[in-house]
Protein backbone atom coordinates (compact mmCIF):
# COMPACT_ATOMS: atom_id res chain seq x y z
CA MET A 1 7.03 13.31 -23.85
CA ASN A 2 3.54 14.76 -24.17
CA ILE A 3 0.83 12.76 -22.29
CA HIS A 4 -1.38 12.89 -25.38
CA VAL A 5 1.37 11.31 -27.46
CA VAL A 6 1.84 8.53 -24.91
CA ALA A 7 -1.94 7.83 -24.82
CA GLU A 8 -2.06 7.78 -28.65
CA GLN A 9 0.87 5.34 -28.79
CA GLU A 10 -0.72 3.13 -26.12
CA ALA A 11 -4.09 3.11 -28.04
CA ALA A 12 -2.26 2.25 -31.27
CA ARG A 13 -0.55 -0.71 -29.59
CA ILE A 14 -3.85 -1.89 -28.18
CA SER A 15 -5.56 -1.53 -31.49
CA HIS A 16 -2.75 -3.53 -33.24
CA ILE A 17 -3.22 -6.35 -30.70
CA ILE A 18 -6.92 -6.37 -31.38
CA ALA A 19 -6.33 -6.41 -35.16
CA GLU A 20 -4.13 -9.54 -34.68
CA HIS A 21 -7.19 -11.40 -33.44
CA GLN A 22 -9.67 -10.25 -36.01
CA GLY A 23 -11.66 -13.15 -37.30
CA ASP A 24 -10.83 -15.25 -34.25
CA GLU A 25 -13.72 -16.91 -32.51
CA GLY A 26 -14.09 -15.59 -28.97
CA PRO A 27 -11.13 -13.23 -29.11
CA LEU A 28 -11.64 -11.43 -25.85
CA LEU A 29 -9.41 -13.62 -23.57
CA PRO A 30 -6.64 -13.85 -26.06
CA ILE A 31 -6.66 -10.10 -26.64
CA LEU A 32 -6.54 -9.53 -22.84
CA HIS A 33 -3.66 -12.00 -22.45
CA ASP A 34 -1.72 -10.23 -25.25
CA ILE A 35 -2.35 -6.79 -23.83
CA GLN A 36 -1.22 -7.85 -20.37
CA ALA A 37 1.93 -9.48 -21.98
CA GLU A 38 2.64 -6.17 -23.75
CA PHE A 39 1.98 -3.80 -20.87
CA GLY A 40 2.36 -5.96 -17.83
CA TYR A 41 -1.24 -5.20 -16.90
CA VAL A 42 -4.58 -4.33 -18.71
CA PRO A 43 -4.67 -0.52 -18.81
CA GLU A 44 -7.98 1.10 -18.20
CA SER A 45 -7.93 2.76 -21.58
CA ALA A 46 -7.83 -0.70 -23.16
CA LYS A 47 -11.22 -1.68 -21.86
CA GLN A 48 -13.13 0.85 -23.99
CA ILE A 49 -11.08 0.26 -27.03
CA ILE A 50 -11.67 -3.53 -26.74
CA ALA A 51 -15.32 -3.04 -26.09
CA LYS A 52 -15.79 -0.95 -29.15
CA ALA A 53 -13.85 -3.30 -31.36
CA LEU A 54 -15.73 -6.45 -30.19
CA ASN A 55 -19.21 -4.77 -29.92
CA LEU A 56 -19.25 -5.33 -26.07
CA SER A 57 -19.96 -3.01 -23.28
CA ARG A 58 -17.08 -1.63 -21.26
CA ALA A 59 -18.73 -3.30 -18.23
CA GLU A 60 -18.52 -6.74 -19.98
CA VAL A 61 -14.78 -6.26 -20.66
CA HIS A 62 -14.15 -5.00 -17.07
CA GLY A 63 -16.17 -7.98 -15.73
CA VAL A 64 -13.85 -10.45 -17.49
CA VAL A 65 -10.75 -8.54 -16.36
CA THR A 66 -11.76 -8.53 -12.73
CA PHE A 67 -13.20 -12.10 -12.70
CA TYR A 68 -9.81 -13.74 -13.73
CA HIS A 69 -7.27 -13.22 -11.08
CA ASP A 70 -4.32 -13.39 -13.44
CA PHE A 71 -5.31 -10.08 -15.13
CA ARG A 72 -3.95 -6.94 -13.40
CA ASP A 73 -5.30 -3.46 -13.61
CA HIS A 74 -2.07 -1.86 -12.50
CA PRO A 75 1.57 -2.69 -13.21
CA SER A 76 3.25 -5.33 -11.15
CA GLY A 77 6.69 -5.54 -9.69
CA ARG A 78 9.59 -7.10 -11.53
CA HIS A 79 8.70 -10.33 -9.82
CA VAL A 80 5.37 -11.71 -8.89
CA LEU A 81 5.20 -14.01 -5.83
CA LYS A 82 1.97 -15.98 -5.60
CA LEU A 83 1.21 -17.81 -2.41
CA CYS A 84 -1.44 -20.61 -2.57
CA ARG A 85 -4.22 -20.15 -0.09
CA ALA A 86 -6.30 -23.20 -1.05
CA GLU A 87 -7.44 -25.80 1.55
CA ALA A 88 -4.52 -28.16 1.30
CA CYS A 89 -2.01 -25.29 1.74
CA GLN A 90 -4.05 -23.85 4.67
CA SER A 91 -3.98 -27.19 6.42
CA MET A 92 -0.20 -27.15 6.12
CA GLY A 93 0.32 -23.64 7.45
CA CYS A 94 0.14 -21.25 4.64
CA GLU A 95 -1.51 -18.46 6.57
CA PRO A 96 1.32 -18.00 9.14
CA LEU A 97 3.79 -18.11 6.32
CA ALA A 98 1.80 -15.56 4.37
CA ASP A 99 1.70 -13.31 7.50
CA LYS A 100 5.50 -13.52 7.81
CA ILE A 101 6.31 -12.79 4.13
CA LYS A 102 3.80 -9.80 4.22
CA ALA A 103 5.68 -8.43 7.20
CA LYS A 104 9.05 -9.07 5.76
CA LEU A 105 8.06 -7.43 2.42
CA GLY A 106 6.18 -4.62 4.09
CA ILE A 107 3.20 -5.12 1.83
CA ASP A 108 -0.22 -6.78 1.71
CA TRP A 109 -1.97 -8.85 -0.93
CA HIS A 110 -2.02 -7.18 -4.37
CA GLU A 111 0.63 -4.73 -3.35
CA THR A 112 4.14 -4.07 -4.73
CA THR A 113 7.19 -3.30 -2.65
CA ALA A 114 8.40 0.30 -2.68
CA ASP A 115 11.48 -0.62 -4.75
CA GLY A 116 9.25 -2.32 -7.31
CA ALA A 117 10.82 -5.62 -6.89
CA VAL A 118 7.97 -7.89 -5.80
CA THR A 119 4.27 -7.98 -6.09
CA LEU A 120 2.46 -10.35 -3.66
CA GLU A 121 -0.56 -12.23 -4.92
CA PRO A 122 -2.83 -14.83 -3.34
CA VAL A 123 -3.88 -17.71 -5.49
CA PHE A 124 -6.25 -20.56 -4.93
CA CYS A 125 -4.48 -23.82 -5.95
CA LEU A 126 -1.29 -24.13 -7.82
CA GLY A 127 -1.89 -27.83 -8.23
CA LEU A 128 0.88 -28.83 -5.73
CA CYS A 129 -1.46 -30.04 -2.96
CA ALA A 130 0.76 -33.05 -2.14
CA SER A 131 3.69 -30.53 -1.60
CA ALA A 132 1.81 -27.93 0.38
CA PRO A 133 2.22 -25.22 1.30
CA ALA A 134 3.12 -24.01 -2.23
CA ALA A 135 4.16 -20.72 -3.95
CA MET A 136 4.98 -19.53 -7.41
CA LEU A 137 7.68 -16.97 -8.15
CA ASP A 138 7.22 -15.69 -11.75
CA ASP A 139 6.94 -19.11 -13.48
CA ALA A 140 8.87 -21.29 -10.97
CA LEU A 141 6.90 -23.42 -8.58
CA TYR A 142 7.98 -24.14 -5.02
CA GLY A 143 6.51 -26.75 -2.67
CA ARG A 144 6.85 -27.72 0.94
CA LEU A 145 7.51 -24.16 1.82
CA ASN A 146 8.77 -23.12 5.27
CA GLU A 147 10.06 -19.81 6.60
CA ASP A 148 13.62 -20.47 5.47
CA CYS A 149 12.49 -21.22 1.92
CA LEU A 150 10.53 -18.02 1.73
CA ASN A 151 13.41 -16.04 3.08
CA ASP A 152 15.58 -17.48 0.34
CA ILE A 153 13.06 -16.59 -2.28
CA VAL A 154 12.82 -12.94 -0.97
CA ALA A 155 16.56 -12.71 -0.92
CA GLU A 156 16.80 -13.80 -4.41
CA VAL A 157 14.23 -11.39 -5.82
CA GLY A 158 15.82 -8.53 -3.95
CA ARG A 159 18.96 -8.81 -5.97
């Protein structure tokens, strides 16, 4: 398929999402969430289209995308593993666990495994402080993690 056709289709999908929020008060965040739900990330091309539609600068849209950690500027893996790095989890040993999982997956923060299975993201508080250290795989929360738990999670997403 021609790259120009793909770009036009992407722009049309983005414009359709923006149109769904026409008349909404403060539509930027809902638009960004819907675009990420549609594409799995916020494409660079979306920033200019959104900026023009909302009478914002591209820098303002970019600033919002980069401020919120849940927005991605590149595709993620089929699964997203988020490891909590907040104070409670740090006090319960999340850093050594993070080092082990990074070594096991062969990736660092914000990277995706070569097979596209897992993207590893740091987060700062999943709200499971009493069950630290904690992680979230896709939408499932895990508390009281140890190396065996993480190995089980990695084995599950590798299937």
